[in-house]
Amino acid sequence: MNGASVGNDLSVTRKAETAHRYALKNNDKTLNAVQTLELKLNIIQHWEPEGEDWQQTGRLVAMRKYQRALDVLEGLIVAWMFELTKMNRYQTGTITTFLLCCL
C-alpha cells in the first residue's frame, strides 16, 4: 500500500465518522423535540403499526392520495372540454358524452 491510498482511506473514514456524529446529534435534537411535544399534548401511548388508529390513518392517507389524483384528472377533463368549446367542437364525439355522464 502506498501513502496516498492510506491517506485517502483515512480521509473517507473521518468524513464518515463526522457525518455519523452529525446524524446522532440531529437525532437527539429531534427526539428531544418529539418528547417535549408529547409532554405538552399529554400523549401517553404511542401508536403501533398493528393498532386500529394507525391502520385507519393509513387508509385515510391512501384515500386522500386517490382523491387528489381524481381531482387532477377532473381538472384536466374540464380544461379539455373548455378547449373543445373554444373550437366549437363540444359534444362532437362519443368520448365527450361518456365523460359528461361520468362527471
C-alpha atoms as a PDB file:
ATOM      1  CA  MET A   1       0.000   0.000   0.000  1.00  0.00           C
ATOM      2  CA  ASN A   2       1.203   3.449  -0.739  1.00  0.00           C
ATOM      3  CA  GLY A   3       0.853   6.506   1.491  1.00  0.00           C
ATOM      4  CA  ALA A   4      -1.691   8.271  -0.747  1.00  0.00           C
ATOM      5  CA  SER A   5      -4.096   5.352  -0.571  1.00  0.00           C
ATOM      6  CA  VAL A   6      -3.876   5.164   3.222  1.00  0.00           C
ATOM      7  CA  GLY A   7      -4.349   8.921   3.492  1.00  0.00           C
ATOM      8  CA  ASN A   8      -7.364   8.785   1.194  1.00  0.00           C
ATOM      9  CA  ASP A   9      -8.899   5.927   3.201  1.00  0.00           C
ATOM     10  CA  LEU A  10      -8.309   7.850   6.418  1.00  0.00           C
ATOM     11  CA  SER A  11      -9.975  10.949   4.962  1.00  0.00           C
ATOM     12  CA  VAL A  12     -13.003   8.943   3.850  1.00  0.00           C
ATOM     13  CA  THR A  13     -13.227   7.332   7.301  1.00  0.00           C
ATOM     14  CA  ARG A  14     -13.049  10.707   9.068  1.00  0.00           C
ATOM     15  CA  LYS A  15     -15.747  12.144   6.821  1.00  0.00           C
ATOM     16  CA  ALA A  16     -17.982   9.154   7.514  1.00  0.00           C
ATOM     17  CA  GLU A  17     -17.405   9.445  11.263  1.00  0.00           C
ATOM     18  CA  THR A  18     -18.187  13.176  11.156  1.00  0.00           C
ATOM     19  CA  ALA A  19     -21.380  12.525   9.210  1.00  0.00           C
ATOM     20  CA  HIS A  20     -22.301   9.855  11.754  1.00  0.00           C
ATOM     21  CA  ARG A  21     -21.752  12.252  14.678  1.00  0.00           C
ATOM     22  CA  TYR A  22     -23.918  14.919  12.995  1.00  0.00           C
ATOM     23  CA  ALA A  23     -26.650  12.367  12.347  1.00  0.00           C
ATOM     24  CA  LEU A  24     -26.611  11.281  16.004  1.00  0.00           C
ATOM     25  CA  LYS A  25     -26.730  14.913  17.123  1.00  0.00           C
ATOM     26  CA  ASN A  26     -29.681  15.669  14.812  1.00  0.00           C
ATOM     27  CA  ASN A  27     -31.426  12.502  16.018  1.00  0.00           C
ATOM     28  CA  ASP A  28     -31.024  13.613  19.630  1.00  0.00           C
ATOM     29  CA  LYS A  29     -32.426  17.079  18.817  1.00  0.00           C
ATOM     30  CA  THR A  30     -35.384  15.580  17.015  1.00  0.00           C
ATOM     31  CA  LEU A  31     -36.039  13.090  19.805  1.00  0.00           C
ATOM     32  CA  ASN A  32     -35.999  15.912  22.362  1.00  0.00           C
ATOM     33  CA  ALA A  33     -38.454  17.929  20.259  1.00  0.00           C
ATOM     34  CA  VAL A  34     -40.776  14.922  19.954  1.00  0.00           C
ATOM     35  CA  GLN A  35     -40.621  14.203  23.676  1.00  0.00           C
ATOM     36  CA  THR A  36     -41.361  17.851  24.508  1.00  0.00           C
ATOM     37  CA  LEU A  37     -44.343  17.844  22.173  1.00  0.00           C
ATOM     38  CA  GLU A  38     -45.614  14.568  23.631  1.00  0.00           C
ATOM     39  CA  LEU A  39     -45.456  16.085  27.116  1.00  0.00           C
ATOM     40  CA  LYS A  40     -47.294  19.230  26.006  1.00  0.00           C
ATOM     41  CA  LEU A  41     -50.001  17.195  24.246  1.00  0.00           C
ATOM     42  CA  ASN A  42     -50.204  14.704  27.127  1.00  0.00           C
ATOM     43  CA  ILE A  43     -49.560  11.723  24.854  1.00  0.00           C
ATOM     44  CA  ILE A  44     -49.161   8.597  26.930  1.00  0.00           C
ATOM     45  CA  GLN A  45     -49.367   5.706  24.467  1.00  0.00           C
ATOM     46  CA  HIS A  46     -47.621   5.546  21.076  1.00  0.00           C
ATOM     47  CA  TRP A  47     -49.342   4.197  18.001  1.00  0.00           C
ATOM     48  CA  GLU A  48     -48.191   0.809  16.785  1.00  0.00           C
ATOM     49  CA  PRO A  49     -48.439  -0.376  13.160  1.00  0.00           C
ATOM     50  CA  GLU A  50     -50.756  -3.174  14.309  1.00  0.00           C
ATOM     51  CA  GLY A  51     -53.101  -0.731  16.067  1.00  0.00           C
ATOM     52  CA  GLU A  52     -56.507   0.290  14.737  1.00  0.00           C
ATOM     53  CA  ASP A  53     -55.723   4.033  14.830  1.00  0.00           C
ATOM     54  CA  TRP A  54     -52.561   3.517  12.794  1.00  0.00           C
ATOM     55  CA  GLN A  55     -54.334   1.426  10.172  1.00  0.00           C
ATOM     56  CA  GLN A  56     -57.306   3.781   9.928  1.00  0.00           C
ATOM     57  CA  THR A  57     -54.973   6.736   9.402  1.00  0.00           C
ATOM     58  CA  GLY A  58     -53.120   4.761   6.734  1.00  0.00           C
ATOM     59  CA  ARG A  59     -56.401   4.192   4.911  1.00  0.00           C
ATOM     60  CA  LEU A  60     -57.251   7.895   5.174  1.00  0.00           C
ATOM     61  CA  VAL A  61     -53.875   8.869   3.709  1.00  0.00           C
ATOM     62  CA  ALA A  62     -54.275   6.415   0.842  1.00  0.00           C
ATOM     63  CA  MET A  63     -57.797   7.683   0.173  1.00  0.00           C
ATOM     64  CA  ARG A  64     -56.546  11.271   0.169  1.00  0.00           C
ATOM     65  CA  LYS A  65     -53.920  10.455  -2.447  1.00  0.00           C
ATOM     66  CA  TYR A  66     -56.572   8.735  -4.545  1.00  0.00           C
ATOM     67  CA  GLN A  67     -58.957  11.685  -4.200  1.00  0.00           C
ATOM     68  CA  ARG A  68     -56.222  14.152  -5.147  1.00  0.00           C
ATOM     69  CA  ALA A  69     -55.465  12.124  -8.274  1.00  0.00           C
ATOM     70  CA  LEU A  70     -59.161  12.159  -9.175  1.00  0.00           C
ATOM     71  CA  ASP A  71     -59.275  15.930  -8.646  1.00  0.00           C
ATOM     72  CA  VAL A  72     -56.342  16.417 -11.002  1.00  0.00           C
ATOM     73  CA  LEU A  73     -57.963  14.177 -13.603  1.00  0.00           C
ATOM     74  CA  GLU A  74     -61.259  16.033 -13.322  1.00  0.00           C
ATOM     75  CA  GLY A  75     -59.438  19.353 -13.747  1.00  0.00           C
ATOM     76  CA  LEU A  76     -57.765  18.068 -16.888  1.00  0.00           C
ATOM     77  CA  ILE A  77     -61.085  16.874 -18.306  1.00  0.00           C
ATOM     78  CA  VAL A  78     -62.764  20.219 -17.596  1.00  0.00           C
ATOM     79  CA  ALA A  79     -59.860  22.081 -19.221  1.00  0.00           C
ATOM     80  CA  TRP A  80     -60.114  19.793 -22.239  1.00  0.00           C
ATOM     81  CA  MET A  81     -63.858  20.464 -22.506  1.00  0.00           C
ATOM     82  CA  PHE A  82     -63.222  24.218 -22.395  1.00  0.00           C
ATOM     83  CA  GLU A  83     -60.718  23.845 -25.202  1.00  0.00           C
ATOM     84  CA  LEU A  84     -63.291  21.924 -27.241  1.00  0.00           C
ATOM     85  CA  THR A  85     -65.836  24.671 -26.542  1.00  0.00           C
ATOM     86  CA  LYS A  86     -63.421  27.295 -27.838  1.00  0.00           C
ATOM     87  CA  MET A  87     -63.146  25.340 -31.090  1.00  0.00           C
ATOM     88  CA  ASN A  88     -66.941  24.825 -31.284  1.00  0.00           C
ATOM     89  CA  ARG A  89     -66.389  21.085 -31.151  1.00  0.00           C
ATOM     90  CA  TYR A  90     -68.015  20.436 -27.819  1.00  0.00           C
ATOM     91  CA  GLN A  91     -70.183  17.287 -27.768  1.00  0.00           C
ATOM     92  CA  THR A  92     -68.892  16.090 -31.142  1.00  0.00           C
ATOM     93  CA  GLY A  93     -67.662  12.719 -30.009  1.00  0.00           C
ATOM     94  CA  THR A  94     -68.785   9.769 -28.018  1.00  0.00           C
ATOM     95  CA  ILE A  95     -65.917  10.149 -25.563  1.00  0.00           C
ATOM     96  CA  THR A  96     -67.127  13.624 -24.604  1.00  0.00           C
ATOM     97  CA  THR A  97     -70.641  12.344 -23.993  1.00  0.00           C
ATOM     98  CA  PHE A  98     -69.234   9.477 -21.972  1.00  0.00           C
ATOM     99  CA  LEU A  99     -67.114  11.805 -19.851  1.00  0.00           C
ATOM    100  CA  LEU A 100     -70.052  14.134 -19.213  1.00  0.00           C
ATOM    101  CA  CYS A 101     -72.123  11.194 -17.982  1.00  0.00           C
ATOM    102  CA  CYS A 102     -69.385  10.234 -15.560  1.00  0.00           C
ATOM    103  CA  LEU A 103     -68.883  13.698 -14.128  1.00  0.00           C
END
